[in-house]
Amino acid sequence: MYNYKDIRRVHLEVSTRCNAACPDCPRNLRGVDVFDTYPVLDMTLAQVQEIFSAEFIQQLDNLLINGNYGDFVTARDGLEIVRYFKSVNPDIKIQISTNASAKPKIWSELGRLGITVYFRIDGLQDTHKLYRQNTDFDFVLDNAKKFIATGGYAIWNMIAFSHNLHQVEACRQLSKELGFGQFQLIDQGRNTMPVFTPDQRLSHVIGDYQGPVDFDELYEINQTYKVDPWGQVRNESSNREISCYAKAISEVYVAANGEVYPCCWLGFYPRHTDRHASNPQLKQIMTPNNALEVGLESAVSWFNRIEESWSLASVPAGKIFACNKNCGTKEL
């Protein structure tokens, strides 16, 4: 697939903690934290320094700090980790994707470091909170202002929902007034769902959702879903030609506990859970992949077995489902 010396980009999860409760996040079930499917932890500066040597960082072009479960603003050593990468490789391009609703003291310093931040702001004050639960719209904007004022490049990233589409142009205009470098409207398919309070009461419905609104019923459905999470979808996408995103840009994904995967779509902690459809497949072909235990170079050595699964029927795991779903192109 590619080897250690080919890597030019790192996608790094610095925490599995999050201050928000977005209802489509894999950390929870529609706003309720019910899944014991991932380790709850932060990656420390010392661990980053152990995984990423100065020599390796100097070969990198890009660092994206994001993740499947956590948010940068919850990471204990987030700012120090950014400083470390910049001190070793001043030319590295660093991007952070965050809800930005915490740690007001760090934003001016982040701006001075000359990085890019994707501020996830899904509407104006009345609509932003409908998906970005537990975040504060005004607080986020204040943090963005501090970041921009000291030279940071800010991107307003807005998910399109039926409840905020009427505010797109107002958000775009506000982003210009505040000094954001870009405004991006994205559609991630998060268009219809029920949203529950932490004590499992229905809060509101997003989009034209018509399914169960009793949490216990939804939970039982989800438990059944975990047996074969993708069902018919798995079968329909089982024979596509793969155009691997991670291979194309020479990127690896490093999870907050040090485990290494080609991309975030495969990085849902398969050693801990079978909840995601690819995890049982990956368990059959993975070799030790925790960079804190075996080193980063050894942790990527199993990636070629993934590429073999795309074309060789003899590979026990079969073609990896997430590869088909996210990087599959034409049918073979």
C-alpha atoms as a PDB file:
ATOM      1  CA  MET A   1       0.000   0.000   0.000  1.00  0.00           C
ATOM      2  CA  TYR A   2       2.764   2.379   1.082  1.00  0.00           C
ATOM      3  CA  ASN A   3       5.534   2.303   3.624  1.00  0.00           C
ATOM      4  CA  TYR A   4       6.762   4.431   6.480  1.00  0.00           C
ATOM      5  CA  LYS A   5       9.062   6.590   4.361  1.00  0.00           C
ATOM      6  CA  ASP A   6       6.239   7.426   1.930  1.00  0.00           C
ATOM      7  CA  ILE A   7       3.996   9.036   4.568  1.00  0.00           C
ATOM      8  CA  ARG A   8       3.517  12.759   4.021  1.00  0.00           C
ATOM      9  CA  ARG A   9       0.357  13.463   6.005  1.00  0.00           C
ATOM     10  CA  VAL A  10      -0.936  12.461   9.449  1.00  0.00           C
ATOM     11  CA  HIS A  11      -4.549  12.552  10.623  1.00  0.00           C
ATOM     12  CA  LEU A  12      -4.283  12.594  14.411  1.00  0.00           C
ATOM     13  CA  GLU A  13      -6.938  12.031  17.061  1.00  0.00           C
ATOM     14  CA  VAL A  14      -5.672  13.724  20.230  1.00  0.00           C
ATOM     15  CA  SER A  15      -8.626  12.811  22.456  1.00  0.00           C
ATOM     16  CA  THR A  16     -11.693  10.599  22.546  1.00  0.00           C
ATOM     17  CA  ARG A  17     -13.389  13.037  24.916  1.00  0.00           C
ATOM     18  CA  CYS A  18     -15.853  15.649  23.716  1.00  0.00           C
ATOM     19  CA  ASN A  19     -17.757  18.465  25.375  1.00  0.00           C
ATOM     20  CA  ALA A  20     -20.563  18.257  22.788  1.00  0.00           C
ATOM     21  CA  ALA A  21     -23.312  15.691  22.234  1.00  0.00           C
ATOM     22  CA  CYS A  22     -23.921  15.794  18.492  1.00  0.00           C
ATOM     23  CA  PRO A  23     -26.692  13.251  17.843  1.00  0.00           C
ATOM     24  CA  ASP A  24     -25.024  11.568  14.854  1.00  0.00           C
ATOM     25  CA  CYS A  25     -21.653  11.119  16.536  1.00  0.00           C
ATOM     26  CA  PRO A  26     -20.515   7.500  17.103  1.00  0.00           C
ATOM     27  CA  ARG A  27     -19.812   8.380  20.739  1.00  0.00           C
ATOM     28  CA  ASN A  28     -23.516   8.246  21.533  1.00  0.00           C
ATOM     29  CA  LEU A  29     -26.972   7.163  20.401  1.00  0.00           C
ATOM     30  CA  ARG A  30     -28.815  10.292  19.252  1.00  0.00           C
ATOM     31  CA  GLY A  31     -27.390  12.407  22.053  1.00  0.00           C
ATOM     32  CA  VAL A  32     -27.195   9.776  24.805  1.00  0.00           C
ATOM     33  CA  ASP A  33     -23.775   8.383  25.689  1.00  0.00           C
ATOM     34  CA  VAL A  34     -24.501   4.665  25.782  1.00  0.00           C
ATOM     35  CA  PHE A  35     -21.657   2.982  23.936  1.00  0.00           C
ATOM     36  CA  ASP A  36     -18.723   1.423  25.723  1.00  0.00           C
ATOM     37  CA  THR A  37     -16.961   0.929  22.393  1.00  0.00           C
ATOM     38  CA  TYR A  38     -13.868   3.101  22.626  1.00  0.00           C
ATOM     39  CA  PRO A  39     -11.218   3.966  25.211  1.00  0.00           C
ATOM     40  CA  VAL A  40     -11.828   7.275  26.986  1.00  0.00           C
ATOM     41  CA  LEU A  41      -8.487   9.088  27.038  1.00  0.00           C
ATOM     42  CA  ASP A  42      -6.294  11.918  25.814  1.00  0.00           C
ATOM     43  CA  MET A  43      -3.027  11.578  23.923  1.00  0.00           C
ATOM     44  CA  THR A  44      -0.304  13.321  25.898  1.00  0.00           C
ATOM     45  CA  LEU A  45       2.547  15.419  24.557  1.00  0.00           C
ATOM     46  CA  ALA A  46       4.988  12.760  25.796  1.00  0.00           C
ATOM     47  CA  GLN A  47       3.154  10.093  23.788  1.00  0.00           C
ATOM     48  CA  VAL A  48       3.167  12.274  20.670  1.00  0.00           C
ATOM     49  CA  GLN A  49       6.911  12.759  21.053  1.00  0.00           C
ATOM     50  CA  GLU A  50       7.351   9.001  21.457  1.00  0.00           C
ATOM     51  CA  ILE A  51       5.326   8.172  18.336  1.00  0.00           C
ATOM     52  CA  PHE A  52       6.485  10.963  16.039  1.00  0.00           C
ATOM     53  CA  SER A  53      10.242  11.436  15.923  1.00  0.00           C
ATOM     54  CA  ALA A  54      11.756  14.705  14.747  1.00  0.00           C
ATOM     55  CA  GLU A  55      13.050  12.941  11.629  1.00  0.00           C
ATOM     56  CA  PHE A  56       9.572  11.668  10.767  1.00  0.00           C
ATOM     57  CA  ILE A  57       7.888  15.037  11.368  1.00  0.00           C
ATOM     58  CA  GLN A  58      10.372  16.676   9.026  1.00  0.00           C
ATOM     59  CA  GLN A  59       9.168  14.443   6.176  1.00  0.00           C
ATOM     60  CA  LEU A  60       5.544  15.546   6.678  1.00  0.00           C
ATOM     61  CA  ASP A  61       3.667  18.151   4.654  1.00  0.00           C
ATOM     62  CA  ASN A  62       0.390  18.171   6.580  1.00  0.00           C
ATOM     63  CA  LEU A  63      -1.079  17.403   9.991  1.00  0.00           C
ATOM     64  CA  LEU A  64      -4.851  17.233  10.474  1.00  0.00           C
ATOM     65  CA  ILE A  65      -6.028  17.143  14.095  1.00  0.00           C
ATOM     66  CA  ASN A  66      -9.514  15.687  14.117  1.00  0.00           C
ATOM     67  CA  GLY A  67     -10.822  12.279  15.092  1.00  0.00           C
ATOM     68  CA  ASN A  68     -13.655   9.796  15.153  1.00  0.00           C
ATOM     69  CA  TYR A  69     -14.703  10.423  18.749  1.00  0.00           C
ATOM     70  CA  GLY A  70     -13.099  13.385  20.468  1.00  0.00           C
ATOM     71  CA  ASP A  71     -12.498  17.087  19.958  1.00  0.00           C
ATOM     72  CA  PHE A  72      -9.280  19.079  20.094  1.00  0.00           C
ATOM     73  CA  VAL A  73     -10.669  21.405  22.781  1.00  0.00           C
ATOM     74  CA  THR A  74     -10.971  18.512  25.232  1.00  0.00           C
ATOM     75  CA  ALA A  75      -7.388  17.306  24.805  1.00  0.00           C
ATOM     76  CA  ARG A  76      -5.188  17.954  27.821  1.00  0.00           C
ATOM     77  CA  ASP A  77      -2.064  18.760  25.775  1.00  0.00           C
ATOM     78  CA  GLY A  78      -3.654  19.989  22.551  1.00  0.00           C
ATOM     79  CA  LEU A  79      -1.836  23.308  22.298  1.00  0.00           C
ATOM     80  CA  GLU A  80       1.500  21.793  23.334  1.00  0.00           C
ATOM     81  CA  ILE A  81       1.133  19.098  20.652  1.00  0.00           C
ATOM     82  CA  VAL A  82       0.633  21.752  17.975  1.00  0.00           C
ATOM     83  CA  ARG A  83       3.663  23.665  19.256  1.00  0.00           C
ATOM     84  CA  TYR A  84       5.771  20.504  19.123  1.00  0.00           C
ATOM     85  CA  PHE A  85       5.001  19.777  15.472  1.00  0.00           C
ATOM     86  CA  LYS A  86       5.613  23.414  14.535  1.00  0.00           C
ATOM     87  CA  SER A  87       8.891  23.597  16.466  1.00  0.00           C
ATOM     88  CA  VAL A  88      10.266  20.541  14.659  1.00  0.00           C
ATOM     89  CA  ASN A  89       8.918  21.422  11.200  1.00  0.00           C
ATOM     90  CA  PRO A  90       8.001  25.119  10.872  1.00  0.00           C
ATOM     91  CA  ASP A  91       6.792  24.523   7.305  1.00  0.00           C
ATOM     92  CA  ILE A  92       4.239  21.848   8.175  1.00  0.00           C
ATOM     93  CA  LYS A  93       0.645  22.814   7.418  1.00  0.00           C
ATOM     94  CA  ILE A  94      -1.550  22.137  10.444  1.00  0.00           C
ATOM     95  CA  GLN A  95      -5.342  22.009  10.337  1.00  0.00           C
ATOM     96  CA  ILE A  96      -7.669  21.531  13.292  1.00  0.00           C
ATOM     97  CA  SER A  97     -11.354  20.641  13.045  1.00  0.00           C
ATOM     98  CA  THR A  98     -13.268  21.554  16.207  1.00  0.00           C
ATOM     99  CA  ASN A  99     -16.526  22.713  17.765  1.00  0.00           C
ATOM    100  CA  ALA A 100     -14.348  25.418  19.418  1.00  0.00           C
ATOM    101  CA  SER A 101     -16.639  25.744  22.431  1.00  0.00           C
ATOM    102  CA  ALA A 102     -13.995  25.572  25.163  1.00  0.00           C
ATOM    103  CA  LYS A 103     -10.566  26.811  26.333  1.00  0.00           C
ATOM    104  CA  PRO A 104     -10.793  30.545  25.574  1.00  0.00           C
ATOM    105  CA  LYS A 105      -7.148  31.116  26.563  1.00  0.00           C
ATOM    106  CA  ILE A 106      -5.616  29.018  23.768  1.00  0.00           C
ATOM    107  CA  TRP A 107      -7.079  30.701  20.686  1.00  0.00           C
ATOM    108  CA  SER A 108      -4.792  33.704  20.475  1.00  0.00           C
ATOM    109  CA  GLU A 109      -1.743  31.456  20.710  1.00  0.00           C
ATOM    110  CA  LEU A 110      -3.140  29.084  18.057  1.00  0.00           C
ATOM    111  CA  GLY A 111      -3.569  32.084  15.767  1.00  0.00           C
ATOM    112  CA  ARG A 112       0.049  33.113  16.251  1.00  0.00           C
ATOM    113  CA  LEU A 113       1.195  29.629  15.254  1.00  0.00           C
ATOM    114  CA  GLY A 114      -0.081  30.220  11.731  1.00  0.00           C
ATOM    115  CA  ILE A 115      -2.412  27.242  11.463  1.00  0.00           C
ATOM    116  CA  THR A 116      -5.852  26.659   9.939  1.00  0.00           C
ATOM    117  CA  VAL A 117      -8.921  25.928  12.057  1.00  0.00           C
ATOM    118  CA  TYR A 118     -12.219  24.582  10.776  1.00  0.00           C
ATOM    119  CA  PHE A 119     -14.833  26.047  13.111  1.00  0.00           C
ATOM    120  CA  ARG A 120     -17.872  23.760  13.031  1.00  0.00           C
ATOM    121  CA  ILE A 121     -20.744  26.251  13.217  1.00  0.00           C
ATOM    122  CA  ASP A 122     -24.075  24.867  12.028  1.00  0.00           C
ATOM    123  CA  GLY A 123     -26.215  27.963  11.680  1.00  0.00           C
ATOM    124  CA  LEU A 124     -26.908  31.004  13.855  1.00  0.00           C
ATOM    125  CA  GLN A 125     -27.627  31.117  17.571  1.00  0.00           C
ATOM    126  CA  ASP A 126     -31.117  29.587  17.330  1.00  0.00           C
ATOM    127  CA  THR A 127     -30.181  26.692  15.001  1.00  0.00           C
ATOM    128  CA  HIS A 128     -26.535  25.890  15.735  1.00  0.00           C
ATOM    129  CA  LYS A 129     -27.454  24.235  19.039  1.00  0.00           C
ATOM    130  CA  LEU A 130     -29.971  21.845  17.469  1.00  0.00           C
ATOM    131  CA  TYR A 131     -27.151  19.608  16.253  1.00  0.00           C
ATOM    132  CA  ARG A 132     -24.090  20.925  18.141  1.00  0.00           C
ATOM    133  CA  GLN A 133     -25.602  20.172  21.523  1.00  0.00           C
ATOM    134  CA  ASN A 134     -23.775  21.484  24.607  1.00  0.00           C
ATOM    135  CA  THR A 135     -21.881  24.115  22.623  1.00  0.00           C
ATOM    136  CA  ASP A 136     -22.347  27.882  22.915  1.00  0.00           C
ATOM    137  CA  PHE A 137     -22.688  29.872  19.670  1.00  0.00           C
ATOM    138  CA  ASP A 138     -21.476  33.199  21.085  1.00  0.00           C
ATOM    139  CA  PHE A 139     -18.563  31.523  22.886  1.00  0.00           C
ATOM    140  CA  VAL A 140     -17.486  29.846  19.637  1.00  0.00           C
ATOM    141  CA  LEU A 141     -17.546  33.163  17.774  1.00  0.00           C
ATOM    142  CA  ASP A 142     -15.537  34.842  20.536  1.00  0.00           C
ATOM    143  CA  ASN A 143     -12.887  32.140  20.253  1.00  0.00           C
ATOM    144  CA  ALA A 144     -12.842  32.513  16.473  1.00  0.00           C
ATOM    145  CA  LYS A 145     -12.335  36.280  16.802  1.00  0.00           C
ATOM    146  CA  LYS A 146      -9.332  35.746  19.088  1.00  0.00           C
ATOM    147  CA  PHE A 147      -7.853  33.239  16.655  1.00  0.00           C
ATOM    148  CA  ILE A 148      -8.345  35.490  13.624  1.00  0.00           C
ATOM    149  CA  ALA A 149      -7.028  38.592  15.418  1.00  0.00           C
ATOM    150  CA  THR A 150      -3.602  37.025  15.927  1.00  0.00           C
ATOM    151  CA  GLY A 151      -3.212  35.767  12.357  1.00  0.00           C
ATOM    152  CA  GLY A 152      -4.989  32.406  12.303  1.00  0.00           C
ATOM    153  CA  TYR A 153      -6.746  31.242   9.135  1.00  0.00           C
ATOM    154  CA  ALA A 154     -10.349  30.391  10.033  1.00  0.00           C
ATOM    155  CA  ILE A 155     -12.855  28.404   7.974  1.00  0.00           C
ATOM    156  CA  TRP A 156     -16.559  28.448   8.870  1.00  0.00           C
ATOM    157  CA  ASN A 157     -17.743  24.896   8.227  1.00  0.00           C
ATOM    158  CA  MET A 158     -21.535  24.500   8.250  1.00  0.00           C
ATOM    159  CA  ILE A 159     -23.507  21.262   7.877  1.00  0.00           C
ATOM    160  CA  ALA A 160     -26.666  21.713   5.815  1.00  0.00           C
ATOM    161  CA  PHE A 161     -29.879  20.794   7.633  1.00  0.00           C
ATOM    162  CA  SER A 162     -33.456  21.613   6.738  1.00  0.00           C
ATOM    163  CA  HIS A 163     -33.623  23.788   9.875  1.00  0.00           C
ATOM    164  CA  ASN A 164     -30.669  26.016   8.933  1.00  0.00           C
ATOM    165  CA  LEU A 165     -30.798  26.304   5.137  1.00  0.00           C
ATOM    166  CA  HIS A 166     -32.624  29.622   5.372  1.00  0.00           C
ATOM    167  CA  GLN A 167     -29.610  31.018   7.271  1.00  0.00           C
ATOM    168  CA  VAL A 168     -26.850  30.040   4.837  1.00  0.00           C
ATOM    169  CA  GLU A 169     -26.402  33.491   3.316  1.00  0.00           C
ATOM    170  CA  ALA A 170     -26.574  35.192   6.706  1.00  0.00           C
ATOM    171  CA  CYS A 171     -23.870  32.838   8.002  1.00  0.00           C
ATOM    172  CA  ARG A 172     -21.767  33.427   4.919  1.00  0.00           C
ATOM    173  CA  GLN A 173     -22.033  37.194   5.376  1.00  0.00           C
ATOM    174  CA  LEU A 174     -21.243  36.980   9.096  1.00  0.00           C
ATOM    175  CA  SER A 175     -18.168  34.899   8.327  1.00  0.00           C
ATOM    176  CA  LYS A 176     -16.894  37.653   6.022  1.00  0.00           C
ATOM    177  CA  GLU A 177     -17.571  40.358   8.617  1.00  0.00           C
ATOM    178  CA  LEU A 178     -15.642  38.427  11.259  1.00  0.00           C
ATOM    179  CA  GLY A 179     -12.653  37.788   9.015  1.00  0.00           C
ATOM    180  CA  PHE A 180     -13.043  34.091   8.233  1.00  0.00           C
ATOM    181  CA  GLY A 181     -10.951  33.076   5.238  1.00  0.00           C
ATOM    182  CA  GLN A 182     -13.584  30.719   3.841  1.00  0.00           C
ATOM    183  CA  PHE A 183     -17.185  29.639   4.292  1.00  0.00           C
ATOM    184  CA  GLN A 184     -17.986  26.006   3.464  1.00  0.00           C
ATOM    185  CA  LEU A 185     -21.457  24.460   3.313  1.00  0.00           C
ATOM    186  CA  ILE A 186     -21.347  20.679   3.456  1.00  0.00           C
ATOM    187  CA  ASP A 187     -23.914  17.896   3.291  1.00  0.00           C
ATOM    188  CA  GLN A 188     -22.865  14.849   5.304  1.00  0.00           C
ATOM    189  CA  GLY A 189     -26.155  12.985   5.135  1.00  0.00           C
ATOM    190  CA  ARG A 190     -27.005  13.994   8.705  1.00  0.00           C
ATOM    191  CA  ASN A 191     -30.388  15.227   7.630  1.00  0.00           C
ATOM    192  CA  THR A 192     -32.958  13.294   9.635  1.00  0.00           C
ATOM    193  CA  MET A 193     -32.859  11.932  13.185  1.00  0.00           C
ATOM    194  CA  PRO A 194     -34.423  12.155  16.648  1.00  0.00           C
ATOM    195  CA  VAL A 195     -32.446  13.942  19.355  1.00  0.00           C
ATOM    196  CA  PHE A 196     -32.612  12.947  23.029  1.00  0.00           C
ATOM    197  CA  THR A 197     -31.568  14.592  26.270  1.00  0.00           C
ATOM    198  CA  PRO A 198     -28.932  12.810  28.428  1.00  0.00           C
ATOM    199  CA  ASP A 199     -31.739  11.331  30.542  1.00  0.00           C
ATOM    200  CA  GLN A 200     -33.222   9.755  27.397  1.00  0.00           C
ATOM    201  CA  ARG A 201     -36.173  12.095  26.837  1.00  0.00           C
ATOM    202  CA  LEU A 202     -37.003  13.223  23.311  1.00  0.00           C
ATOM    203  CA  SER A 203     -35.673  16.758  22.791  1.00  0.00           C
ATOM    204  CA  HIS A 204     -36.474  17.446  19.134  1.00  0.00           C
ATOM    205  CA  VAL A 205     -36.469  15.914  15.676  1.00  0.00           C
ATOM    206  CA  ILE A 206     -34.148  16.907  12.844  1.00  0.00           C
ATOM    207  CA  GLY A 207     -35.498  16.785   9.295  1.00  0.00           C
ATOM    208  CA  ASP A 208     -38.422  14.596   8.241  1.00  0.00           C
ATOM    209  CA  TYR A 209     -37.628  11.694  10.565  1.00  0.00           C
ATOM    210  CA  GLN A 210     -40.577   9.292  10.936  1.00  0.00           C
ATOM    211  CA  GLY A 211     -39.063   6.484  13.016  1.00  0.00           C
ATOM    212  CA  PRO A 212     -39.213   5.563  16.730  1.00  0.00           C
ATOM    213  CA  VAL A 213     -39.111   8.419  19.237  1.00  0.00           C
ATOM    214  CA  ASP A 214     -38.992   6.195  22.331  1.00  0.00           C
ATOM    215  CA  PHE A 215     -35.371   5.827  23.380  1.00  0.00           C
ATOM    216  CA  ASP A 216     -35.695   2.254  24.690  1.00  0.00           C
ATOM    217  CA  GLU A 217     -37.180   1.138  21.374  1.00  0.00           C
ATOM    218  CA  LEU A 218     -34.439   2.896  19.426  1.00  0.00           C
ATOM    219  CA  TYR A 219     -31.796   1.334  21.648  1.00  0.00           C
ATOM    220  CA  GLU A 220     -33.147  -2.174  21.044  1.00  0.00           C
ATOM    221  CA  ILE A 221     -33.128  -1.580  17.298  1.00  0.00           C
ATOM    222  CA  ASN A 222     -29.542  -0.411  17.546  1.00  0.00           C
ATOM    223  CA  GLN A 223     -28.512  -3.527  19.475  1.00  0.00           C
ATOM    224  CA  THR A 224     -29.906  -5.679  16.670  1.00  0.00           C
ATOM    225  CA  TYR A 225     -28.204  -3.452  14.115  1.00  0.00           C
ATOM    226  CA  LYS A 226     -24.854  -4.125  15.767  1.00  0.00           C
ATOM    227  CA  VAL A 227     -25.068  -7.818  14.824  1.00  0.00           C
ATOM    228  CA  ASP A 228     -24.746  -6.896  11.136  1.00  0.00           C
ATOM    229  CA  PRO A 229     -24.494  -3.107  11.141  1.00  0.00           C
ATOM    230  CA  TRP A 230     -24.817  -2.518   7.422  1.00  0.00           C
ATOM    231  CA  GLY A 231     -26.991  -5.415   6.302  1.00  0.00           C
ATOM    232  CA  GLN A 232     -27.987  -5.167   2.685  1.00  0.00           C
ATOM    233  CA  VAL A 233     -25.730  -2.162   2.112  1.00  0.00           C
ATOM    234  CA  ARG A 234     -22.737  -4.420   2.737  1.00  0.00           C
ATOM    235  CA  ASN A 235     -23.814  -6.739  -0.092  1.00  0.00           C
ATOM    236  CA  GLU A 236     -24.638  -3.985  -2.541  1.00  0.00           C
ATOM    237  CA  SER A 237     -21.177  -2.423  -2.302  1.00  0.00           C
ATOM    238  CA  SER A 238     -19.053  -5.562  -2.167  1.00  0.00           C
ATOM    239  CA  ASN A 239     -17.509  -5.501  -5.638  1.00  0.00           C
ATOM    240  CA  ARG A 240     -16.246  -2.014  -6.442  1.00  0.00           C
ATOM    241  CA  GLU A 241     -12.901  -0.883  -7.739  1.00  0.00           C
ATOM    242  CA  ILE A 242     -11.048   0.868  -4.920  1.00  0.00           C
ATOM    243  CA  SER A 243      -9.465   4.281  -5.325  1.00  0.00           C
ATOM    244  CA  CYS A 244      -7.856   4.618  -1.906  1.00  0.00           C
ATOM    245  CA  TYR A 245      -7.958   8.148  -0.499  1.00  0.00           C
ATOM    246  CA  ALA A 246      -5.251   7.523   2.093  1.00  0.00           C
ATOM    247  CA  LYS A 247      -2.889   5.983  -0.434  1.00  0.00           C
ATOM    248  CA  ALA A 248      -3.450   8.817  -2.905  1.00  0.00           C
ATOM    249  CA  ILE A 249      -2.376  11.479  -0.409  1.00  0.00           C
ATOM    250  CA  SER A 250       0.106   9.305   1.568  1.00  0.00           C
ATOM    251  CA  GLU A 251      -1.743   9.758   4.874  1.00  0.00           C
ATOM    252  CA  VAL A 252      -2.098   7.658   8.008  1.00  0.00           C
ATOM    253  CA  TYR A 253      -4.603   7.926  10.836  1.00  0.00           C
ATOM    254  CA  VAL A 254      -3.323   7.711  14.410  1.00  0.00           C
ATOM    255  CA  ALA A 255      -5.970   7.183  17.084  1.00  0.00           C
ATOM    256  CA  ALA A 256      -5.755   8.684  20.556  1.00  0.00           C
ATOM    257  CA  ASN A 257      -4.501   5.443  22.113  1.00  0.00           C
ATOM    258  CA  GLY A 258      -1.666   5.148  19.594  1.00  0.00           C
ATOM    259  CA  GLU A 259      -3.259   2.651  17.203  1.00  0.00           C
ATOM    260  CA  VAL A 260      -2.478   3.294  13.539  1.00  0.00           C
ATOM    261  CA  TYR A 261      -4.733   2.803  10.511  1.00  0.00           C
ATOM    262  CA  PRO A 262      -4.608   3.968   6.893  1.00  0.00           C
ATOM    263  CA  CYS A 263      -7.603   6.245   7.428  1.00  0.00           C
ATOM    264  CA  CYS A 264     -10.224   7.312   9.961  1.00  0.00           C
ATOM    265  CA  TRP A 265     -12.875   5.140   8.256  1.00  0.00           C
ATOM    266  CA  LEU A 266     -10.955   2.072   9.447  1.00  0.00           C
ATOM    267  CA  GLY A 267      -9.955   3.581  12.781  1.00  0.00           C
ATOM    268  CA  PHE A 268     -12.999   2.798  14.921  1.00  0.00           C
ATOM    269  CA  TYR A 269     -10.940   0.773  17.427  1.00  0.00           C
ATOM    270  CA  PRO A 270     -11.503  -2.673  15.877  1.00  0.00           C
ATOM    271  CA  ARG A 271      -9.561  -4.373  18.661  1.00  0.00           C
ATOM    272  CA  HIS A 272     -12.193  -3.117  21.104  1.00  0.00           C
ATOM    273  CA  THR A 273     -15.498  -3.582  19.282  1.00  0.00           C
ATOM    274  CA  ASP A 274     -17.331  -5.206  16.385  1.00  0.00           C
ATOM    275  CA  ARG A 275     -19.849  -2.377  16.168  1.00  0.00           C
ATOM    276  CA  HIS A 276     -18.541  -0.973  12.897  1.00  0.00           C
ATOM    277  CA  ALA A 277     -18.952  -3.214   9.890  1.00  0.00           C
ATOM    278  CA  SER A 278     -15.273  -3.396   8.947  1.00  0.00           C
ATOM    279  CA  ASN A 279     -14.010  -4.265  12.426  1.00  0.00           C
ATOM    280  CA  PRO A 280     -14.535  -8.060  12.291  1.00  0.00           C
ATOM    281  CA  GLN A 281     -12.767  -8.083   8.898  1.00  0.00           C
ATOM    282  CA  LEU A 282      -9.842  -6.007  10.124  1.00  0.00           C
ATOM    283  CA  LYS A 283      -9.304  -8.203  13.163  1.00  0.00           C
ATOM    284  CA  GLN A 284      -8.455 -11.071  10.804  1.00  0.00           C
ATOM    285  CA  ILE A 285      -5.608  -9.263   9.065  1.00  0.00           C
ATOM    286  CA  MET A 286      -4.232  -6.772  11.600  1.00  0.00           C
ATOM    287  CA  THR A 287      -0.823  -7.230  13.136  1.00  0.00           C
ATOM    288  CA  PRO A 288       0.179  -5.234  16.252  1.00  0.00           C
ATOM    289  CA  ASN A 289      -0.535  -1.630  15.287  1.00  0.00           C
ATOM    290  CA  ASN A 290      -0.078   0.452  18.424  1.00  0.00           C
ATOM    291  CA  ALA A 291       2.793   2.830  17.763  1.00  0.00           C
ATOM    292  CA  LEU A 292       3.353   3.288  21.504  1.00  0.00           C
ATOM    293  CA  GLU A 293       4.091  -0.424  21.764  1.00  0.00           C
ATOM    294  CA  VAL A 294       5.764  -1.371  18.480  1.00  0.00           C
ATOM    295  CA  GLY A 295       6.790   1.954  16.958  1.00  0.00           C
ATOM    296  CA  LEU A 296       5.176   3.807  14.074  1.00  0.00           C
ATOM    297  CA  GLU A 297       7.141   2.095  11.308  1.00  0.00           C
ATOM    298  CA  SER A 298       6.112  -1.363  12.488  1.00  0.00           C
ATOM    299  CA  ALA A 299       2.532  -0.207  13.159  1.00  0.00           C
ATOM    300  CA  VAL A 300       1.917   0.525   9.458  1.00  0.00           C
ATOM    301  CA  SER A 301       3.392  -2.754   8.201  1.00  0.00           C
ATOM    302  CA  TRP A 302       0.023  -4.533   7.917  1.00  0.00           C
ATOM    303  CA  PHE A 303      -1.495  -1.991   5.519  1.00  0.00           C
ATOM    304  CA  ASN A 304      -0.551  -4.022   2.426  1.00  0.00           C
ATOM    305  CA  ARG A 305      -2.898  -6.772   3.607  1.00  0.00           C
ATOM    306  CA  ILE A 306      -5.767  -4.325   3.207  1.00  0.00           C
ATOM    307  CA  GLU A 307      -4.826  -3.658  -0.398  1.00  0.00           C
ATOM    308  CA  GLU A 308      -4.580  -7.402  -1.032  1.00  0.00           C
ATOM    309  CA  SER A 309      -8.168  -7.777   0.185  1.00  0.00           C
ATOM    310  CA  TRP A 310      -9.389  -5.602  -2.694  1.00  0.00           C
ATOM    311  CA  SER A 311      -8.367  -8.132  -5.331  1.00  0.00           C
ATOM    312  CA  LEU A 312      -7.586 -11.512  -3.780  1.00  0.00           C
ATOM    313  CA  ALA A 313     -10.525 -13.741  -2.934  1.00  0.00           C
ATOM    314  CA  SER A 314      -8.205 -15.864  -0.820  1.00  0.00           C
ATOM    315  CA  VAL A 315      -7.750 -13.150   1.783  1.00  0.00           C
ATOM    316  CA  PRO A 316      -9.740 -14.437   4.805  1.00  0.00           C
ATOM    317  CA  ALA A 317     -11.297 -11.078   5.631  1.00  0.00           C
ATOM    318  CA  GLY A 318     -12.613 -10.438   2.148  1.00  0.00           C
ATOM    319  CA  LYS A 319     -12.799  -6.988   0.622  1.00  0.00           C
ATOM    320  CA  ILE A 320     -12.959  -4.496   3.495  1.00  0.00           C
ATOM    321  CA  PHE A 321     -16.426  -2.982   3.729  1.00  0.00           C
ATOM    322  CA  ALA A 322     -15.314   0.571   4.586  1.00  0.00           C
ATOM    323  CA  CYS A 323     -12.959   0.578   1.597  1.00  0.00           C
ATOM    324  CA  ASN A 324     -15.886  -0.252  -0.693  1.00  0.00           C
ATOM    325  CA  LYS A 325     -18.239   2.212   0.955  1.00  0.00           C
ATOM    326  CA  ASN A 326     -15.928   5.224   1.105  1.00  0.00           C
ATOM    327  CA  CYS A 327     -13.381   4.682  -1.684  1.00  0.00           C
ATOM    328  CA  GLY A 328     -15.241   2.356  -4.048  1.00  0.00           C
ATOM    329  CA  THR A 329     -15.769   3.746  -7.537  1.00  0.00           C
ATOM    330  CA  LYS A 330     -17.156   1.778 -10.491  1.00  0.00           C
ATOM    331  CA  GLU A 331     -18.513  -1.752 -10.114  1.00  0.00           C
ATOM    332  CA  LEU A 332     -16.154  -4.509 -11.253  1.00  0.00           C
END
